[in-house]
C-alpha atoms as a PDB file:
ATOM      1  CA  GLN A   1     -17.486  -2.207 -17.127  1.00  0.00           C
ATOM      2  CA  ARG A   2     -16.172  -0.382 -20.156  1.00  0.00           C
ATOM      3  CA  PRO A   3     -19.514   0.123 -21.976  1.00  0.00           C
ATOM      4  CA  ALA A   4     -21.125   1.415 -18.768  1.00  0.00           C
ATOM      5  CA  VAL A   5     -18.275   3.806 -18.010  1.00  0.00           C
ATOM      6  CA  ALA A   6     -18.195   4.930 -21.648  1.00  0.00           C
ATOM      7  CA  ALA A   7     -21.928   5.705 -21.520  1.00  0.00           C
ATOM      8  CA  MET A   8     -21.452   7.717 -18.323  1.00  0.00           C
ATOM      9  CA  ALA A   9     -18.489   9.563 -19.834  1.00  0.00           C
ATOM     10  CA  SER A  10     -20.425  10.406 -22.988  1.00  0.00           C
ATOM     11  CA  ALA A  11     -23.378  11.777 -21.001  1.00  0.00           C
ATOM     12  CA  VAL A  12     -21.140  13.904 -18.767  1.00  0.00           C
ATOM     13  CA  ALA A  13     -19.056  15.225 -21.643  1.00  0.00           C
ATOM     14  CA  GLU A  14     -22.124  16.189 -23.660  1.00  0.00           C
ATOM     15  CA  LYS A  15     -23.984  17.878 -20.792  1.00  0.00           C
ATOM     16  CA  TYR A  16     -21.081  19.783 -19.246  1.00  0.00           C
ATOM     17  CA  ASN A  17     -18.695  20.167 -22.188  1.00  0.00           C
ATOM     18  CA  ALA A  18     -16.146  18.270 -20.134  1.00  0.00           C
ATOM     19  CA  THR A  19     -13.259  15.945 -20.869  1.00  0.00           C
ATOM     20  CA  PHE A  20     -13.617  12.526 -19.229  1.00  0.00           C
ATOM     21  CA  LEU A  21     -10.365  10.682 -18.551  1.00  0.00           C
ATOM     22  CA  ALA A  22     -10.602   7.094 -17.276  1.00  0.00           C
ATOM     23  CA  LEU A  23      -7.747   5.313 -15.534  1.00  0.00           C
ATOM     24  CA  THR A  24      -8.519   1.629 -15.963  1.00  0.00           C
ATOM     25  CA  HIS A  25      -7.124  -1.479 -14.297  1.00  0.00           C
ATOM     26  CA  GLY A  26      -3.615  -2.063 -15.566  1.00  0.00           C
ATOM     27  CA  ALA A  27      -3.602   0.889 -17.962  1.00  0.00           C
ATOM     28  CA  PRO A  28      -1.532   2.795 -17.244  1.00  0.00           C
ATOM     29  CA  TYR A  29      -1.122   1.505 -13.668  1.00  0.00           C
ATOM     30  CA  SER A  30      -1.790  -1.682 -11.749  1.00  0.00           C
ATOM     31  CA  PRO A  31      -0.797  -2.369  -8.120  1.00  0.00           C
ATOM     32  CA  GLN A  32       2.085  -4.691  -7.478  1.00  0.00           C
ATOM     33  CA  THR A  33       1.074  -8.071  -6.116  1.00  0.00           C
ATOM     34  CA  GLY A  34       1.076  -7.913  -2.345  1.00  0.00           C
ATOM     35  CA  CYS A  35       1.674  -4.167  -2.077  1.00  0.00           C
ATOM     36  CA  ASP A  36       0.104  -2.183   0.761  1.00  0.00           C
ATOM     37  CA  LEU A  37      -2.823   0.119   0.085  1.00  0.00           C
ATOM     38  CA  SER A  38      -0.688   3.135   1.012  1.00  0.00           C
ATOM     39  CA  VAL A  39       1.761   2.245  -1.783  1.00  0.00           C
ATOM     40  CA  PHE A  40      -1.072   1.997  -4.307  1.00  0.00           C
ATOM     41  CA  GLN A  41      -2.505   5.348  -3.198  1.00  0.00           C
ATOM     42  CA  THR A  42       0.881   7.101  -3.308  1.00  0.00           C
ATOM     43  CA  ASP A  43       1.675   5.776  -6.777  1.00  0.00           C
ATOM     44  CA  LEU A  44      -1.801   6.611  -8.088  1.00  0.00           C
ATOM     45  CA  LEU A  45      -1.580  10.142  -6.693  1.00  0.00           C
ATOM     46  CA  GLU A  46       1.772  10.688  -8.418  1.00  0.00           C
ATOM     47  CA  LEU A  47       0.288   9.440 -11.681  1.00  0.00           C
ATOM     48  CA  ILE A  48      -2.656  11.849 -11.407  1.00  0.00           C
ATOM     49  CA  LYS A  49      -0.287  14.735 -10.729  1.00  0.00           C
ATOM     50  CA  GLU A  50       1.541  14.001 -13.996  1.00  0.00           C
ATOM     51  CA  LEU A  51      -1.593  14.031 -16.142  1.00  0.00           C
ATOM     52  CA  PRO A  52      -2.317  17.165 -18.243  1.00  0.00           C
ATOM     53  CA  LEU A  53      -5.647  17.966 -16.568  1.00  0.00           C
ATOM     54  CA  TRP A  54      -7.683  21.142 -16.557  1.00  0.00           C
ATOM     55  CA  GLU A  55      -8.761  22.406 -13.180  1.00  0.00           C
ATOM     56  CA  PRO A  56     -10.945  22.292 -11.239  1.00  0.00           C
ATOM     57  CA  LEU A  57     -11.407  18.538 -11.533  1.00  0.00           C
ATOM     58  CA  PHE A  58     -14.364  16.326 -10.753  1.00  0.00           C
ATOM     59  CA  LEU A  59     -13.212  12.947  -9.510  1.00  0.00           C
ATOM     60  CA  VAL A  60     -15.160   9.717  -9.986  1.00  0.00           C
ATOM     61  CA  ASP A  61     -13.840   7.124  -7.540  1.00  0.00           C
ATOM     62  CA  HIS A  62     -14.866   3.669  -8.735  1.00  0.00           C
ATOM     63  CA  THR A  63     -12.323   1.615  -6.777  1.00  0.00           C
ATOM     64  CA  ASN A  64     -14.516   0.131  -4.007  1.00  0.00           C
ATOM     65  CA  GLY A  65     -12.859   2.577  -1.640  1.00  0.00           C
ATOM     66  CA  ALA A  66      -9.231   1.863  -2.508  1.00  0.00           C
ATOM     67  CA  ALA A  67      -8.675   5.442  -3.737  1.00  0.00           C
ATOM     68  CA  THR A  68     -11.231   7.265  -1.564  1.00  0.00           C
ATOM     69  CA  ALA A  69      -8.551   8.696   0.752  1.00  0.00           C
ATOM     70  CA  LEU A  70      -7.123  10.616  -2.235  1.00  0.00           C
ATOM     71  CA  LEU A  71     -10.058  13.037  -1.977  1.00  0.00           C
ATOM     72  CA  TRP A  72      -8.169  14.689   0.865  1.00  0.00           C
ATOM     73  CA  SER A  73      -4.880  14.825  -1.066  1.00  0.00           C
ATOM     74  CA  LEU A  74      -6.573  16.310  -4.142  1.00  0.00           C
ATOM     75  CA  ARG A  75      -9.152  18.551  -2.464  1.00  0.00           C
ATOM     76  CA  ASP A  76      -7.508  21.826  -3.534  1.00  0.00           C
ATOM     77  CA  ARG A  77      -7.889  20.717  -7.178  1.00  0.00           C
ATOM     78  CA  LEU A  78     -11.421  19.337  -6.952  1.00  0.00           C
ATOM     79  CA  ALA A  79     -14.795  20.927  -7.638  1.00  0.00           C
ATOM     80  CA  GLY A  80     -16.543  17.793  -6.387  1.00  0.00           C
ATOM     81  CA  ALA A  81     -16.478  14.017  -6.446  1.00  0.00           C
ATOM     82  CA  LEU A  82     -18.588  10.921  -6.960  1.00  0.00           C
ATOM     83  CA  VAL A  83     -17.680   7.836  -4.941  1.00  0.00           C
ATOM     84  CA  ILE A  84     -19.326   4.657  -6.250  1.00  0.00           C
ATOM     85  CA  ASN A  85     -19.948   1.762  -3.868  1.00  0.00           C
ATOM     86  CA  PRO A  86     -17.174   2.157  -1.305  1.00  0.00           C
ATOM     87  CA  THR A  87     -16.718  -1.056   0.663  1.00  0.00           C
ATOM     88  CA  SER A  88     -15.079  -2.255   3.865  1.00  0.00           C
ATOM     89  CA  PHE A  89     -14.825   0.883   5.962  1.00  0.00           C
ATOM     90  CA  TYR A  90     -15.657  -0.247   9.483  1.00  0.00           C
ATOM     91  CA  ALA A  91     -16.396   1.274  12.870  1.00  0.00           C
ATOM     92  CA  GLU A  92     -13.579   0.831  15.397  1.00  0.00           C
ATOM     93  CA  GLU A  93     -15.755  -1.445  17.567  1.00  0.00           C
ATOM     94  CA  TYR A  94     -16.382  -3.813  14.663  1.00  0.00           C
ATOM     95  CA  LEU A  95     -12.670  -4.233  13.948  1.00  0.00           C
ATOM     96  CA  HIS A  96     -12.266  -6.036  17.288  1.00  0.00           C
ATOM     97  CA  SER A  97     -15.256  -8.353  16.892  1.00  0.00           C
ATOM     98  CA  ASP A  98     -15.438 -12.064  16.094  1.00  0.00           C
ATOM     99  CA  ALA A  99     -17.651 -11.188  13.121  1.00  0.00           C
ATOM    100  CA  HIS A 100     -14.868  -9.057  11.636  1.00  0.00           C
ATOM    101  CA  GLU A 101     -12.373 -11.868  12.113  1.00  0.00           C
ATOM    102  CA  ARG A 102     -14.616 -14.272  10.186  1.00  0.00           C
ATOM    103  CA  LEU A 103     -15.226 -11.688   7.460  1.00  0.00           C
ATOM    104  CA  SER A 104     -11.485 -11.022   7.182  1.00  0.00           C
ATOM    105  CA  GLN A 105     -10.734 -14.702   6.569  1.00  0.00           C
ATOM    106  CA  PHE A 106     -13.445 -14.779   3.900  1.00  0.00           C
ATOM    107  CA  LEU A 107     -12.012 -11.692   2.144  1.00  0.00           C
ATOM    108  CA  PHE A 108      -8.445 -13.006   2.253  1.00  0.00           C
ATOM    109  CA  GLY A 109      -9.732 -16.247   0.728  1.00  0.00           C
ATOM    110  CA  LEU A 110     -11.393 -14.314  -2.099  1.00  0.00           C
ATOM    111  CA  SER A 111      -8.138 -12.451  -2.702  1.00  0.00           C
ATOM    112  CA  ASP A 112      -6.186 -15.706  -3.045  1.00  0.00           C
ATOM    113  CA  SER A 113      -8.813 -17.108  -5.434  1.00  0.00           C
ATOM    114  CA  MET A 114      -8.683 -14.010  -7.630  1.00  0.00           C
ATOM    115  CA  ARG A 115      -4.922 -14.296  -8.007  1.00  0.00           C
ATOM    116  CA  LEU A 116      -5.216 -17.912  -9.127  1.00  0.00           C
ATOM    117  CA  GLY A 117      -7.812 -17.009 -11.757  1.00  0.00           C
ATOM    118  CA  VAL A 118     -11.594 -17.067 -11.625  1.00  0.00           C
ATOM    119  CA  ASP A 119     -13.325 -20.084 -13.157  1.00  0.00           C
ATOM    120  CA  GLU A 120     -16.975 -20.390 -14.123  1.00  0.00           C
ATOM    121  CA  ASN A 121     -18.011 -22.281 -10.967  1.00  0.00           C
ATOM    122  CA  PHE A 122     -16.434 -19.696  -8.678  1.00  0.00           C
ATOM    123  CA  LEU A 123     -18.107 -16.825 -10.508  1.00  0.00           C
ATOM    124  CA  ALA A 124     -21.493 -18.580 -10.600  1.00  0.00           C
ATOM    125  CA  SER A 125     -21.395 -19.152  -6.833  1.00  0.00           C
ATOM    126  CA  HIS A 126     -20.573 -15.524  -6.033  1.00  0.00           C
ATOM    127  CA  LEU A 127     -22.644 -13.794  -8.711  1.00  0.00           C
ATOM    128  CA  PRO A 128     -25.861 -13.714  -6.605  1.00  0.00           C
ATOM    129  CA  ASN A 129     -23.958 -11.664  -4.000  1.00  0.00           C
ATOM    130  CA  CYS A 130     -22.994  -9.037  -6.574  1.00  0.00           C
ATOM    131  CA  VAL A 131     -25.819  -8.845  -9.112  1.00  0.00           C
ATOM    132  CA  PHE A 132     -29.470  -8.034  -8.425  1.00  0.00           C
ATOM    133  CA  GLY A 133     -31.991  -9.983 -10.470  1.00  0.00           C
ATOM    134  CA  GLU A 134     -33.885 -13.186 -11.063  1.00  0.00           C
ATOM    135  CA  PRO A 135     -31.974 -16.436 -11.783  1.00  0.00           C
ATOM    136  CA  GLU A 136     -32.627 -16.019 -15.511  1.00  0.00           C
ATOM    137  CA  PHE A 137     -30.924 -12.638 -15.506  1.00  0.00           C
ATOM    138  CA  LEU A 138     -27.946 -14.009 -13.563  1.00  0.00           C
ATOM    139  CA  GLU A 139     -27.584 -16.704 -16.221  1.00  0.00           C
ATOM    140  CA  GLU A 140     -27.515 -13.995 -18.908  1.00  0.00           C
ATOM    141  CA  VAL A 141     -24.776 -12.148 -17.053  1.00  0.00           C
ATOM    142  CA  LEU A 142     -22.746 -15.341 -16.633  1.00  0.00           C
ATOM    143  CA  ASP A 143     -23.127 -16.181 -20.316  1.00  0.00           C
ATOM    144  CA  HIS A 144     -21.967 -12.682 -21.235  1.00  0.00           C
ATOM    145  CA  LEU A 145     -18.872 -13.013 -19.044  1.00  0.00           C
ATOM    146  CA  ASN A 146     -18.224 -16.458 -20.466  1.00  0.00           C
ATOM    147  CA  VAL A 147     -17.521 -14.843 -23.841  1.00  0.00           C
ATOM    148  CA  GLU A 148     -14.155 -13.774 -22.420  1.00  0.00           C
ATOM    149  CA  GLY A 149     -13.352 -17.377 -21.571  1.00  0.00           C
ATOM    150  CA  PHE A 150     -12.483 -18.968 -18.227  1.00  0.00           C
ATOM    151  CA  PRO A 151     -10.474 -18.864 -16.103  1.00  0.00           C
ATOM    152  CA  LEU A 152     -10.435 -15.074 -15.964  1.00  0.00           C
ATOM    153  CA  HIS A 153      -7.010 -13.526 -15.445  1.00  0.00           C
ATOM    154  CA  GLY A 154      -5.477 -10.130 -16.033  1.00  0.00           C
ATOM    155  CA  ALA A 155      -5.248  -6.674 -14.522  1.00  0.00           C
ATOM    156  CA  HIS A 156      -8.871  -6.530 -13.363  1.00  0.00           C
ATOM    157  CA  MET A 157      -8.534  -9.783 -11.405  1.00  0.00           C
ATOM    158  CA  ASP A 158      -5.213  -8.625  -9.921  1.00  0.00           C
ATOM    159  CA  PHE A 159      -6.741  -5.346  -8.803  1.00  0.00           C
ATOM    160  CA  SER A 160      -9.782  -7.111  -7.328  1.00  0.00           C
ATOM    161  CA  ALA A 161      -7.478  -9.455  -5.431  1.00  0.00           C
ATOM    162  CA  SER A 162      -5.622  -6.463  -3.997  1.00  0.00           C
ATOM    163  CA  VAL A 163      -8.868  -4.738  -2.979  1.00  0.00           C
ATOM    164  CA  PHE A 164     -10.020  -7.834  -1.095  1.00  0.00           C
ATOM    165  CA  ALA A 165      -6.643  -8.051   0.658  1.00  0.00           C
ATOM    166  CA  TRP A 166      -6.868  -4.376   1.674  1.00  0.00           C
ATOM    167  CA  SER A 167     -10.453  -4.666   2.868  1.00  0.00           C
ATOM    168  CA  PRO A 168     -10.167  -6.136   6.383  1.00  0.00           C
ATOM    169  CA  ARG A 169      -8.266  -3.149   7.833  1.00  0.00           C
ATOM    170  CA  GLN A 170      -6.205  -1.045   5.428  1.00  0.00           C
ATOM    171  CA  LYS A 171      -9.113   0.870   3.871  1.00  0.00           C
ATOM    172  CA  THR A 172     -10.485   1.830   7.287  1.00  0.00           C
ATOM    173  CA  GLU A 173      -7.007   2.887   8.422  1.00  0.00           C
ATOM    174  CA  SER A 174      -6.589   5.075   5.311  1.00  0.00           C
ATOM    175  CA  LEU A 175      -9.285   7.436   6.660  1.00  0.00           C
ATOM    176  CA  ALA A 176      -8.127   7.396  10.278  1.00  0.00           C
ATOM    177  CA  GLY A 177      -7.457  10.905  11.558  1.00  0.00           C
ATOM    178  CA  LYS A 178      -8.859  12.609   8.458  1.00  0.00           C
ATOM    179  CA  SER A 179     -10.484  15.967   9.129  1.00  0.00           C
ATOM    180  CA  ASP A 180     -13.987  16.699   7.830  1.00  0.00           C
ATOM    181  CA  LEU A 181     -13.766  17.277   4.086  1.00  0.00           C
ATOM    182  CA  ASP A 182     -15.530  20.440   2.926  1.00  0.00           C
ATOM    183  CA  LEU A 183     -16.211  19.266  -0.620  1.00  0.00           C
ATOM    184  CA  ALA A 184     -19.374  18.399  -2.544  1.00  0.00           C
ATOM    185  CA  VAL A 185     -19.246  14.601  -2.597  1.00  0.00           C
ATOM    186  CA  THR A 186     -22.000  12.189  -3.582  1.00  0.00           C
ATOM    187  CA  ILE A 187     -21.716   8.550  -2.583  1.00  0.00           C
ATOM    188  CA  ALA A 188     -23.596   6.303  -5.010  1.00  0.00           C
ATOM    189  CA  CYS A 189     -24.532   3.164  -3.109  1.00  0.00           C
ATOM    190  CA  SER A 190     -26.275   0.069  -4.457  1.00  0.00           C
ATOM    191  CA  GLN A 191     -29.682  -0.098  -2.782  1.00  0.00           C
ATOM    192  CA  HIS A 192     -29.483  -3.853  -2.145  1.00  0.00           C
ATOM    193  CA  GLY A 193     -25.760  -3.978  -1.330  1.00  0.00           C
ATOM    194  CA  PRO A 194     -24.485  -6.142   1.558  1.00  0.00           C
ATOM    195  CA  SER A 195     -24.998  -4.309   4.861  1.00  0.00           C
ATOM    196  CA  ALA A 196     -21.758  -5.174   6.663  1.00  0.00           C
ATOM    197  CA  VAL A 197     -19.480  -4.522   3.685  1.00  0.00           C
ATOM    198  CA  MET A 198     -21.124  -1.782   1.604  1.00  0.00           C
ATOM    199  CA  LEU A 199     -23.922   0.051   3.420  1.00  0.00           C
ATOM    200  CA  GLU A 200     -21.884   0.371   6.627  1.00  0.00           C
ATOM    201  CA  ALA A 201     -18.891   1.576   4.588  1.00  0.00           C
ATOM    202  CA  THR A 202     -21.024   4.238   2.932  1.00  0.00           C
ATOM    203  CA  HIS A 203     -22.026   5.685   6.287  1.00  0.00           C
ATOM    204  CA  GLN A 204     -18.483   5.457   7.666  1.00  0.00           C
ATOM    205  CA  VAL A 205     -17.145   7.487   4.723  1.00  0.00           C
ATOM    206  CA  LEU A 206     -20.044   9.926   5.011  1.00  0.00           C
ATOM    207  CA  LYS A 207     -18.985  10.748   8.588  1.00  0.00           C
ATOM    208  CA  HIS A 208     -15.861  12.409   7.159  1.00  0.00           C
ATOM    209  CA  LEU A 209     -17.752  14.515   4.579  1.00  0.00           C
ATOM    210  CA  SER A 210     -19.266  17.767   5.808  1.00  0.00           C
ATOM    211  CA  CYS A 211     -20.973  18.293   2.414  1.00  0.00           C
ATOM    212  CA  GLY A 212     -21.562  14.663   1.533  1.00  0.00           C
ATOM    213  CA  LYS A 213     -24.792  12.975   0.500  1.00  0.00           C
ATOM    214  CA  ILE A 214     -25.957   9.508  -0.532  1.00  0.00           C
ATOM    215  CA  ALA A 215     -27.686   8.575  -3.782  1.00  0.00           C
ATOM    216  CA  TYR A 216     -28.956   4.993  -3.941  1.00  0.00           C
ATOM    217  CA  ILE A 217     -28.611   2.958  -7.138  1.00  0.00           C
ATOM    218  CA  PRO A 218     -31.953   1.158  -7.603  1.00  0.00           C
ATOM    219  CA  SER A 219     -32.190  -2.547  -8.438  1.00  0.00           C
ATOM    220  CA  SER A 220     -28.508  -3.050  -7.664  1.00  0.00           C
ATOM    221  CA  LYS A 221     -26.401  -5.142  -5.292  1.00  0.00           C
ATOM    222  CA  ALA A 222     -22.954  -4.039  -6.478  1.00  0.00           C
ATOM    223  CA  TRP A 223     -22.275  -4.471 -10.203  1.00  0.00           C
ATOM    224  CA  TRP A 224     -24.380  -1.577 -11.466  1.00  0.00           C
ATOM    225  CA  GLU A 225     -22.582  -1.797 -14.796  1.00  0.00           C
ATOM    226  CA  VAL A 226     -24.382  -5.011 -15.726  1.00  0.00           C
ATOM    227  CA  GLU A 227     -27.529  -4.564 -13.627  1.00  0.00           C
ATOM    228  CA  ASN A 228     -28.573  -1.271 -15.223  1.00  0.00           C
ATOM    229  CA  PRO A 229     -27.324  -1.433 -18.814  1.00  0.00           C
END
């Protein structure tokens, strides 16, 4: 992720004479194991308030929807926002369906696996769901990740585990009762992303944005950072 985010930061800084500040997993903040999404959002908001930032701000939310609700808390300080691949925001009817129950068990299982550490077999089995490309390209991605050594642990895995645990209901509940947000927001959504988890979430978030629009990321399922180097 870091090279992709660095390239985006460099392009933005050069074009708009802006300062790009990235808050990464575990530095300076990582959610406590098992904490609720509301705790993560409250702590992250307090951290942002303490940062020496010029205003107005432009927020890039690259948390799979975990921090999307902060757009409302920060709206008086924002000139606009980019939300990248929000996931797991569901319609009320879906939350009471058998399909949601099965999906929830799957997501909780992923969360538990992430906390134990991700080995090569686990990553290889799930990579086709996240990365768009031919089998040869998926092998290249796996080889690149293998440089870090398996099993994968650390702040990124801990954060991913938390996001999966928050996905069945807590993300949807974080937007419940929110008024329409009058802010220029673009949702960047992977064109080939999973319908139930990502494309539906994009449209659910868009319902709350009176000035929102969608921009599709071509040739992408989810991990745009490695799909479009």
